[in-house]
Each structure stands twice: as C-alpha cells, then as structure tokens.
Amino acid sequence: MTACTIWQEGAPECSVYSLLYLGGRVVRRRDRAVRALRKILELYSGREPWWKRENLPPFWVAVAIAVSPRTTSKLEEEAVKRLMRKFPGGAEDLASARIEDVEEAIRVSGMYKSKARAIKALAQWELEGPGVASLAELPTEEAREMLKSLPGIGDKIADVVLMALGHPVLPVDVHVDRLTKRLGLVDQKADYRQTKEALEEIFSPDERMRAHFALIEFGRTFCKAKPNCKSCPLRSDCPSAS
C-alpha cells in the first residue's frame, strides 16, 4: 500500500503534498519541513547581524547589506568599516568618490566591482532623496520597487534592507534557499518569490528577522553546498539527509 492509496477521499492529490509513509502513518513532507524550520529558529534565535548590534544608521545598514552577498559576516564588517574610515562623510563622500577607491575599500568582501556600483547608486540616491530611512514609512511593495530601480539592487538585497527598516519580510539568500529546498518546503525549481512566500507562511512578522539570520547561520554550519548531514540535528526530519 502506498501513501497515496490511503490518503482520505476528497483531499488534494498526494503529489501536491509529496506524502511520505512513515511508521504506519502518513506524514506530509511540508509538515516535516515546518517542524525542522521552527526548530532552527529555536536553536539559533539569538543570532543578529553586526550592524544591528552596533546600531548603524539606515544608510550604512543599506551599504552593509549591499556588501553582504557571497561573503562572510566577518569580511562584510571589515569591508564596511574600511568604507566608513575612508569615507567619513558617508553618502556625500561616497557619491563623489572614484569608483576605483570604493572597490579597493571593499575588495576583501569579493565581487567588489558590482558591489561598488550598488554602493555608489545608494549614495547618490541618499543625497538626491528620499533616502534609505524614508523607506520605513512606505508600503512594502512600493519601497521594494524603489530599491530595485537602483543599479545592483535585486530582490534579496532590497528585502534585507526592508527587513532592517521594520518591514515584515523574510529575505531568501543562497543559504536560506538551499536549506528550504533540501527540507522539501518548496520544489527545487521554486523561484525567489515562491520560496519567500512559503517561509513567510511559517514565520510570523515579528519572527522573520530572527528566522532569516537563524536560517543563514544553520546553513553555514550544517547545510552547506556540501552538507554536514552526519552531525545535523535535523537529520530525522530532512528528506535530503544522506
């Protein structure tokens, strides 16, 4: 007997829910994923970014987030603090700086050319208005589209900036995406918005920032590109565990 044949009549097709038959009972893969994801929040709920601990102003928070892709928190912090020392006038200094000087300051973080373009665009936008802080007062979708109109700012960076400003979003970076798909919450072909919306159904608005950083920390520790399944505390709930 398969899981599909014992699924109650009138319920959605079992293929939609990726049903698994375990220990004589049907368990939805989504339920296992939700249990695992909430366990991660419980284990890593105290994690927060360095820019939050140091209470950086909104513009510098946005710069830190622009520097964050494909680097470690330590290198991100080092790169941003180099910028802050080299350009103490903030947006005004960065807007007028040579892009080569911005690139050199953040070189340690990697991908420095594309990141420097995004930082220059943020600085110019900060000077011309309305500026990063004003996004906190706008509707989420309007604020997101405004950020995404800037060079080098995509969905993930825009959403992390919005999250930092208090918008109830849960950004999806490479670690969060990999982890969510391995746990089976979404299909492997799910796009950014599908994954984000699936996670936002699980975590309430006041949990989403903590969940974002908890999932990143867990991904960096266990669910890497080459996963550490043997030591993973979620092994029993992960359909991808090897």
C-alpha atoms as a PDB file:
ATOM      1  CA  MET A   1       0.000   0.000   0.000  1.00  0.00           C
ATOM      2  CA  THR A   2       1.306   3.445  -0.856  1.00  0.00           C
ATOM      3  CA  ALA A   3       0.786   6.742   0.899  1.00  0.00           C
ATOM      4  CA  CYS A   4      -1.453   7.851  -1.976  1.00  0.00           C
ATOM      5  CA  THR A   5      -3.859   4.921  -1.674  1.00  0.00           C
ATOM      6  CA  ILE A   6      -4.575   5.591   1.995  1.00  0.00           C
ATOM      7  CA  TRP A   7      -4.956   9.368   1.627  1.00  0.00           C
ATOM      8  CA  GLN A   8      -8.530  10.264   2.512  1.00  0.00           C
ATOM      9  CA  GLU A   9     -11.065  10.680  -0.245  1.00  0.00           C
ATOM     10  CA  GLY A  10     -11.662  14.249  -1.324  1.00  0.00           C
ATOM     11  CA  ALA A  11      -8.267  15.542  -0.149  1.00  0.00           C
ATOM     12  CA  PRO A  12      -5.903  17.268  -2.605  1.00  0.00           C
ATOM     13  CA  GLU A  13      -3.851  14.895  -4.712  1.00  0.00           C
ATOM     14  CA  CYS A  14      -0.987  13.355  -2.813  1.00  0.00           C
ATOM     15  CA  SER A  15       1.549  14.503  -5.410  1.00  0.00           C
ATOM     16  CA  VAL A  16       0.900  18.091  -4.340  1.00  0.00           C
ATOM     17  CA  TYR A  17       1.938  17.332  -0.780  1.00  0.00           C
ATOM     18  CA  SER A  18       4.780  14.885  -1.508  1.00  0.00           C
ATOM     19  CA  LEU A  19       3.348  12.432   1.011  1.00  0.00           C
ATOM     20  CA  LEU A  20       5.651  10.047   2.800  1.00  0.00           C
ATOM     21  CA  TYR A  21       4.576   6.897   4.585  1.00  0.00           C
ATOM     22  CA  LEU A  22       6.476   6.566   7.868  1.00  0.00           C
ATOM     23  CA  GLY A  23       5.831   4.267  10.818  1.00  0.00           C
ATOM     24  CA  GLY A  24       2.352   3.278   9.646  1.00  0.00           C
ATOM     25  CA  ARG A  25       1.060   6.821   9.220  1.00  0.00           C
ATOM     26  CA  VAL A  26       1.021   9.453   6.530  1.00  0.00           C
ATOM     27  CA  VAL A  27       3.182  12.495   7.134  1.00  0.00           C
ATOM     28  CA  ARG A  28       3.222  15.446   4.820  1.00  0.00           C
ATOM     29  CA  ARG A  29       6.666  16.477   3.736  1.00  0.00           C
ATOM     30  CA  ARG A  30       5.669  20.069   4.329  1.00  0.00           C
ATOM     31  CA  ASP A  31       4.837  19.306   7.961  1.00  0.00           C
ATOM     32  CA  ARG A  32       8.280  17.832   8.499  1.00  0.00           C
ATOM     33  CA  ALA A  33       9.894  20.849   6.851  1.00  0.00           C
ATOM     34  CA  VAL A  34       7.898  23.248   9.028  1.00  0.00           C
ATOM     35  CA  ARG A  35       8.902  21.340  12.157  1.00  0.00           C
ATOM     36  CA  ALA A  36      12.559  21.465  11.129  1.00  0.00           C
ATOM     37  CA  LEU A  37      12.499  25.161  10.233  1.00  0.00           C
ATOM     38  CA  ARG A  38      10.887  26.110  13.521  1.00  0.00           C
ATOM     39  CA  LYS A  39      13.488  24.009  15.335  1.00  0.00           C
ATOM     40  CA  ILE A  40      16.212  26.068  13.643  1.00  0.00           C
ATOM     41  CA  LEU A  41      14.609  29.267  14.930  1.00  0.00           C
ATOM     42  CA  GLU A  42      14.560  27.777  18.413  1.00  0.00           C
ATOM     43  CA  LEU A  43      18.233  26.758  18.223  1.00  0.00           C
ATOM     44  CA  TYR A  44      19.588  29.951  16.647  1.00  0.00           C
ATOM     45  CA  SER A  45      17.111  32.660  17.645  1.00  0.00           C
ATOM     46  CA  GLY A  46      19.774  34.794  19.320  1.00  0.00           C
ATOM     47  CA  ARG A  47      21.685  35.473  16.102  1.00  0.00           C
ATOM     48  CA  GLU A  48      21.710  39.034  14.825  1.00  0.00           C
ATOM     49  CA  PRO A  49      23.868  40.963  12.348  1.00  0.00           C
ATOM     50  CA  TRP A  50      26.779  43.105  13.465  1.00  0.00           C
ATOM     51  CA  TRP A  51      25.169  46.259  12.056  1.00  0.00           C
ATOM     52  CA  LYS A  52      22.174  45.758  14.335  1.00  0.00           C
ATOM     53  CA  ARG A  53      24.381  45.251  17.392  1.00  0.00           C
ATOM     54  CA  GLU A  54      26.292  48.432  16.550  1.00  0.00           C
ATOM     55  CA  ASN A  55      23.132  50.399  15.734  1.00  0.00           C
ATOM     56  CA  LEU A  56      24.367  51.754  12.402  1.00  0.00           C
ATOM     57  CA  PRO A  57      22.255  54.475  10.753  1.00  0.00           C
ATOM     58  CA  PRO A  58      19.965  53.345   7.900  1.00  0.00           C
ATOM     59  CA  PHE A  59      22.263  54.429   5.072  1.00  0.00           C
ATOM     60  CA  TRP A  60      25.229  52.457   6.407  1.00  0.00           C
ATOM     61  CA  VAL A  61      22.974  49.461   7.085  1.00  0.00           C
ATOM     62  CA  ALA A  62      21.988  49.512   3.401  1.00  0.00           C
ATOM     63  CA  VAL A  63      25.667  49.706   2.426  1.00  0.00           C
ATOM     64  CA  ALA A  64      26.474  46.732   4.668  1.00  0.00           C
ATOM     65  CA  ILE A  65      23.679  44.744   3.046  1.00  0.00           C
ATOM     66  CA  ALA A  66      24.963  45.660  -0.423  1.00  0.00           C
ATOM     67  CA  VAL A  67      28.370  44.287   0.606  1.00  0.00           C
ATOM     68  CA  SER A  68      26.950  41.073   2.110  1.00  0.00           C
ATOM     69  CA  PRO A  69      26.401  38.768  -0.921  1.00  0.00           C
ATOM     70  CA  ARG A  70      28.785  35.829  -1.223  1.00  0.00           C
ATOM     71  CA  THR A  71      30.957  36.752   1.736  1.00  0.00           C
ATOM     72  CA  THR A  72      31.198  36.053   5.464  1.00  0.00           C
ATOM     73  CA  SER A  73      29.837  38.309   8.187  1.00  0.00           C
ATOM     74  CA  LYS A  74      33.398  38.976   9.348  1.00  0.00           C
ATOM     75  CA  LEU A  75      34.581  40.114   5.910  1.00  0.00           C
ATOM     76  CA  GLU A  76      31.411  42.124   5.368  1.00  0.00           C
ATOM     77  CA  GLU A  77      32.030  44.008   8.610  1.00  0.00           C
ATOM     78  CA  GLU A  78      35.694  44.553   7.760  1.00  0.00           C
ATOM     79  CA  ALA A  79      34.823  45.939   4.321  1.00  0.00           C
ATOM     80  CA  VAL A  80      32.139  48.304   5.616  1.00  0.00           C
ATOM     81  CA  LYS A  81      34.344  49.629   8.398  1.00  0.00           C
ATOM     82  CA  ARG A  82      37.055  50.320   5.828  1.00  0.00           C
ATOM     83  CA  LEU A  83      34.498  52.330   3.877  1.00  0.00           C
ATOM     84  CA  MET A  84      33.448  54.223   6.993  1.00  0.00           C
ATOM     85  CA  ARG A  85      37.055  55.159   7.756  1.00  0.00           C
ATOM     86  CA  LYS A  86      37.885  56.099   4.175  1.00  0.00           C
ATOM     87  CA  PHE A  87      34.632  58.000   3.561  1.00  0.00           C
ATOM     88  CA  PRO A  88      33.660  59.510   6.943  1.00  0.00           C
ATOM     89  CA  GLY A  89      31.196  61.861   5.262  1.00  0.00           C
ATOM     90  CA  GLY A  90      29.013  58.891   4.358  1.00  0.00           C
ATOM     91  CA  ALA A  91      26.758  59.289   1.332  1.00  0.00           C
ATOM     92  CA  GLU A  92      28.240  62.638   0.316  1.00  0.00           C
ATOM     93  CA  ASP A  93      31.802  61.302   0.265  1.00  0.00           C
ATOM     94  CA  LEU A  94      30.817  58.055  -1.449  1.00  0.00           C
ATOM     95  CA  ALA A  95      28.756  59.770  -4.134  1.00  0.00           C
ATOM     96  CA  SER A  96      31.719  61.921  -5.172  1.00  0.00           C
ATOM     97  CA  ALA A  97      34.367  59.199  -4.754  1.00  0.00           C
ATOM     98  CA  ARG A  98      36.099  57.455  -7.630  1.00  0.00           C
ATOM     99  CA  ILE A  99      34.552  54.036  -8.050  1.00  0.00           C
ATOM    100  CA  GLU A 100      38.051  52.519  -8.024  1.00  0.00           C
ATOM    101  CA  ASP A 101      38.546  53.827  -4.472  1.00  0.00           C
ATOM    102  CA  VAL A 102      35.254  52.292  -3.352  1.00  0.00           C
ATOM    103  CA  GLU A 103      36.222  48.990  -4.983  1.00  0.00           C
ATOM    104  CA  GLU A 104      39.569  48.958  -3.215  1.00  0.00           C
ATOM    105  CA  ALA A 105      37.974  49.583   0.178  1.00  0.00           C
ATOM    106  CA  ILE A 106      35.633  46.603  -0.150  1.00  0.00           C
ATOM    107  CA  ARG A 107      37.885  44.283  -2.162  1.00  0.00           C
ATOM    108  CA  VAL A 108      38.204  41.911   0.804  1.00  0.00           C
ATOM    109  CA  SER A 109      34.488  41.032   0.525  1.00  0.00           C
ATOM    110  CA  GLY A 110      34.707  39.737  -3.056  1.00  0.00           C
ATOM    111  CA  MET A 111      32.541  40.720  -6.045  1.00  0.00           C
ATOM    112  CA  TYR A 112      33.769  44.229  -5.297  1.00  0.00           C
ATOM    113  CA  LYS A 113      33.070  45.743  -8.717  1.00  0.00           C
ATOM    114  CA  SER A 114      29.325  45.052  -8.728  1.00  0.00           C
ATOM    115  CA  LYS A 115      29.063  45.900  -5.028  1.00  0.00           C
ATOM    116  CA  ALA A 116      30.831  49.225  -5.552  1.00  0.00           C
ATOM    117  CA  ARG A 117      28.323  50.165  -8.268  1.00  0.00           C
ATOM    118  CA  ALA A 118      25.452  49.420  -5.888  1.00  0.00           C
ATOM    119  CA  ILE A 119      27.070  51.458  -3.097  1.00  0.00           C
ATOM    120  CA  LYS A 120      27.624  54.433  -5.404  1.00  0.00           C
ATOM    121  CA  ALA A 121      23.990  54.252  -6.528  1.00  0.00           C
ATOM    122  CA  LEU A 122      22.772  54.115  -2.923  1.00  0.00           C
ATOM    123  CA  ALA A 123      24.927  57.117  -2.015  1.00  0.00           C
ATOM    124  CA  GLN A 124      23.641  59.188  -4.926  1.00  0.00           C
ATOM    125  CA  TRP A 125      20.065  58.233  -4.120  1.00  0.00           C
ATOM    126  CA  GLU A 126      20.596  59.121  -0.455  1.00  0.00           C
ATOM    127  CA  LEU A 127      21.750  62.611  -1.452  1.00  0.00           C
ATOM    128  CA  GLU A 128      19.032  63.232  -4.013  1.00  0.00           C
ATOM    129  CA  GLY A 129      16.267  61.854  -1.809  1.00  0.00           C
ATOM    130  CA  PRO A 130      14.159  60.401  -0.466  1.00  0.00           C
ATOM    131  CA  GLY A 131      16.900  58.258   1.106  1.00  0.00           C
ATOM    132  CA  VAL A 132      17.026  54.912   2.871  1.00  0.00           C
ATOM    133  CA  ALA A 133      15.331  55.935   6.134  1.00  0.00           C
ATOM    134  CA  SER A 134      12.223  57.121   4.275  1.00  0.00           C
ATOM    135  CA  LEU A 135      11.542  53.575   3.050  1.00  0.00           C
ATOM    136  CA  ALA A 136      10.360  52.622   6.530  1.00  0.00           C
ATOM    137  CA  GLU A 137       7.249  54.762   6.013  1.00  0.00           C
ATOM    138  CA  LEU A 138       6.307  53.431   2.569  1.00  0.00           C
ATOM    139  CA  PRO A 139       4.186  50.361   1.733  1.00  0.00           C
ATOM    140  CA  THR A 140       6.448  47.333   1.383  1.00  0.00           C
ATOM    141  CA  GLU A 141       5.924  46.737  -2.342  1.00  0.00           C
ATOM    142  CA  GLU A 142       6.444  50.396  -3.203  1.00  0.00           C
ATOM    143  CA  ALA A 143       9.631  50.539  -1.139  1.00  0.00           C
ATOM    144  CA  ARG A 144      10.911  47.308  -2.720  1.00  0.00           C
ATOM    145  CA  GLU A 145      10.390  48.561  -6.264  1.00  0.00           C
ATOM    146  CA  MET A 146      12.087  51.841  -5.404  1.00  0.00           C
ATOM    147  CA  LEU A 147      15.172  49.998  -4.166  1.00  0.00           C
ATOM    148  CA  LYS A 148      15.200  47.588  -7.099  1.00  0.00           C
ATOM    149  CA  SER A 149      15.292  50.517  -9.505  1.00  0.00           C
ATOM    150  CA  LEU A 150      18.863  51.193  -8.335  1.00  0.00           C
ATOM    151  CA  PRO A 151      21.803  49.508 -10.122  1.00  0.00           C
ATOM    152  CA  GLY A 152      22.980  46.331  -8.412  1.00  0.00           C
ATOM    153  CA  ILE A 153      19.957  46.007  -6.099  1.00  0.00           C
ATOM    154  CA  GLY A 154      17.929  42.836  -6.616  1.00  0.00           C
ATOM    155  CA  ASP A 155      15.200  41.067  -4.664  1.00  0.00           C
ATOM    156  CA  LYS A 156      17.389  39.754  -1.869  1.00  0.00           C
ATOM    157  CA  ILE A 157      19.283  42.970  -1.101  1.00  0.00           C
ATOM    158  CA  ALA A 158      16.081  45.009  -1.337  1.00  0.00           C
ATOM    159  CA  ASP A 159      14.294  42.685   1.077  1.00  0.00           C
ATOM    160  CA  VAL A 160      17.123  42.661   3.624  1.00  0.00           C
ATOM    161  CA  VAL A 161      17.140  46.472   3.630  1.00  0.00           C
ATOM    162  CA  LEU A 162      13.365  46.493   4.081  1.00  0.00           C
ATOM    163  CA  MET A 163      13.598  43.915   6.868  1.00  0.00           C
ATOM    164  CA  ALA A 164      16.206  46.055   8.644  1.00  0.00           C
ATOM    165  CA  LEU A 165      13.810  49.009   8.417  1.00  0.00           C
ATOM    166  CA  GLY A 166      10.971  47.058  10.012  1.00  0.00           C
ATOM    167  CA  HIS A 167       9.054  45.719   7.020  1.00  0.00           C
ATOM    168  CA  PRO A 168       7.600  42.224   7.684  1.00  0.00           C
ATOM    169  CA  VAL A 169       9.581  40.351   5.026  1.00  0.00           C
ATOM    170  CA  LEU A 170      11.787  37.262   5.156  1.00  0.00           C
ATOM    171  CA  PRO A 171      14.615  37.578   2.612  1.00  0.00           C
ATOM    172  CA  VAL A 172      15.991  34.488   0.891  1.00  0.00           C
ATOM    173  CA  ASP A 173      19.739  34.303   0.388  1.00  0.00           C
ATOM    174  CA  VAL A 174      21.698  31.372  -1.037  1.00  0.00           C
ATOM    175  CA  HIS A 175      21.858  29.589   2.350  1.00  0.00           C
ATOM    176  CA  VAL A 176      18.144  30.020   3.061  1.00  0.00           C
ATOM    177  CA  ASP A 177      17.210  28.901  -0.451  1.00  0.00           C
ATOM    178  CA  ARG A 178      19.358  25.760  -0.312  1.00  0.00           C
ATOM    179  CA  LEU A 179      18.128  24.786   3.149  1.00  0.00           C
ATOM    180  CA  THR A 180      14.448  25.369   2.365  1.00  0.00           C
ATOM    181  CA  LYS A 181      14.617  23.237  -0.777  1.00  0.00           C
ATOM    182  CA  ARG A 182      16.563  20.414   0.857  1.00  0.00           C
ATOM    183  CA  LEU A 183      13.979  20.234   3.623  1.00  0.00           C
ATOM    184  CA  GLY A 184      11.262  19.923   0.988  1.00  0.00           C
ATOM    185  CA  LEU A 185       9.237  23.011   1.882  1.00  0.00           C
ATOM    186  CA  VAL A 186       9.323  24.091  -1.770  1.00  0.00           C
ATOM    187  CA  ASP A 187      10.191  22.429  -5.045  1.00  0.00           C
ATOM    188  CA  GLN A 188      13.785  22.566  -6.273  1.00  0.00           C
ATOM    189  CA  LYS A 189      12.646  24.805  -9.139  1.00  0.00           C
ATOM    190  CA  ALA A 190      10.876  27.317  -6.885  1.00  0.00           C
ATOM    191  CA  ASP A 191      11.875  30.907  -7.600  1.00  0.00           C
ATOM    192  CA  TYR A 192      12.778  33.634  -5.108  1.00  0.00           C
ATOM    193  CA  ARG A 193       9.226  34.839  -4.521  1.00  0.00           C
ATOM    194  CA  GLN A 194       7.783  31.334  -4.126  1.00  0.00           C
ATOM    195  CA  THR A 195      10.395  30.411  -1.525  1.00  0.00           C
ATOM    196  CA  LYS A 196       9.993  33.704   0.315  1.00  0.00           C
ATOM    197  CA  GLU A 197       6.201  33.399   0.478  1.00  0.00           C
ATOM    198  CA  ALA A 198       6.408  29.791   1.698  1.00  0.00           C
ATOM    199  CA  LEU A 199       8.685  30.849   4.560  1.00  0.00           C
ATOM    200  CA  GLU A 200       6.513  33.841   5.423  1.00  0.00           C
ATOM    201  CA  GLU A 201       3.569  31.470   5.873  1.00  0.00           C
ATOM    202  CA  ILE A 202       5.534  29.679   8.599  1.00  0.00           C
ATOM    203  CA  PHE A 203       7.055  32.591  10.493  1.00  0.00           C
ATOM    204  CA  SER A 204       5.005  35.454  11.891  1.00  0.00           C
ATOM    205  CA  PRO A 205       6.045  39.046  11.080  1.00  0.00           C
ATOM    206  CA  ASP A 206       7.794  39.501  14.425  1.00  0.00           C
ATOM    207  CA  GLU A 207       9.782  36.272  13.907  1.00  0.00           C
ATOM    208  CA  ARG A 208      11.019  36.919  10.383  1.00  0.00           C
ATOM    209  CA  MET A 209      14.220  38.841  11.057  1.00  0.00           C
ATOM    210  CA  ARG A 210      15.293  36.303  13.685  1.00  0.00           C
ATOM    211  CA  ALA A 211      14.335  33.454  11.354  1.00  0.00           C
ATOM    212  CA  HIS A 212      16.317  34.950   8.459  1.00  0.00           C
ATOM    213  CA  PHE A 213      19.561  35.089  10.426  1.00  0.00           C
ATOM    214  CA  ALA A 214      18.902  31.771  12.181  1.00  0.00           C
ATOM    215  CA  LEU A 215      18.468  30.003   8.834  1.00  0.00           C
ATOM    216  CA  ILE A 216      21.628  31.610   7.455  1.00  0.00           C
ATOM    217  CA  GLU A 217      23.645  30.514  10.495  1.00  0.00           C
ATOM    218  CA  PHE A 218      22.298  26.977  10.272  1.00  0.00           C
ATOM    219  CA  GLY A 219      23.005  26.864   6.548  1.00  0.00           C
ATOM    220  CA  ARG A 220      26.585  27.995   7.051  1.00  0.00           C
ATOM    221  CA  THR A 221      27.103  25.452   9.837  1.00  0.00           C
ATOM    222  CA  PHE A 222      25.377  22.325   8.528  1.00  0.00           C
ATOM    223  CA  CYS A 223      23.563  22.782   5.220  1.00  0.00           C
ATOM    224  CA  LYS A 224      26.482  23.943   3.097  1.00  0.00           C
ATOM    225  CA  ALA A 225      26.898  23.244  -0.609  1.00  0.00           C
ATOM    226  CA  LYS A 226      28.477  20.011   0.640  1.00  0.00           C
ATOM    227  CA  PRO A 227      26.190  19.309   3.622  1.00  0.00           C
ATOM    228  CA  ASN A 228      27.270  18.030   7.010  1.00  0.00           C
ATOM    229  CA  CYS A 229      24.342  15.613   7.347  1.00  0.00           C
ATOM    230  CA  LYS A 230      26.085  13.309   9.807  1.00  0.00           C
ATOM    231  CA  SER A 231      26.150  15.963  12.547  1.00  0.00           C
ATOM    232  CA  CYS A 232      22.924  17.752  11.584  1.00  0.00           C
ATOM    233  CA  PRO A 233      20.358  17.971  14.424  1.00  0.00           C
ATOM    234  CA  LEU A 234      17.553  17.938  11.820  1.00  0.00           C
ATOM    235  CA  ARG A 235      18.632  14.713  10.146  1.00  0.00           C
ATOM    236  CA  SER A 236      15.468  12.818  11.143  1.00  0.00           C
ATOM    237  CA  ASP A 237      13.218  15.465   9.565  1.00  0.00           C
ATOM    238  CA  CYS A 238      15.207  16.097   6.390  1.00  0.00           C
ATOM    239  CA  PRO A 239      14.274  14.096   3.274  1.00  0.00           C
ATOM    240  CA  SER A 240      17.631  15.023   1.719  1.00  0.00           C
ATOM    241  CA  ALA A 241      19.765  13.655   4.582  1.00  0.00           C
ATOM    242  CA  SER A 242      22.414  11.248   3.355  1.00  0.00           C
END
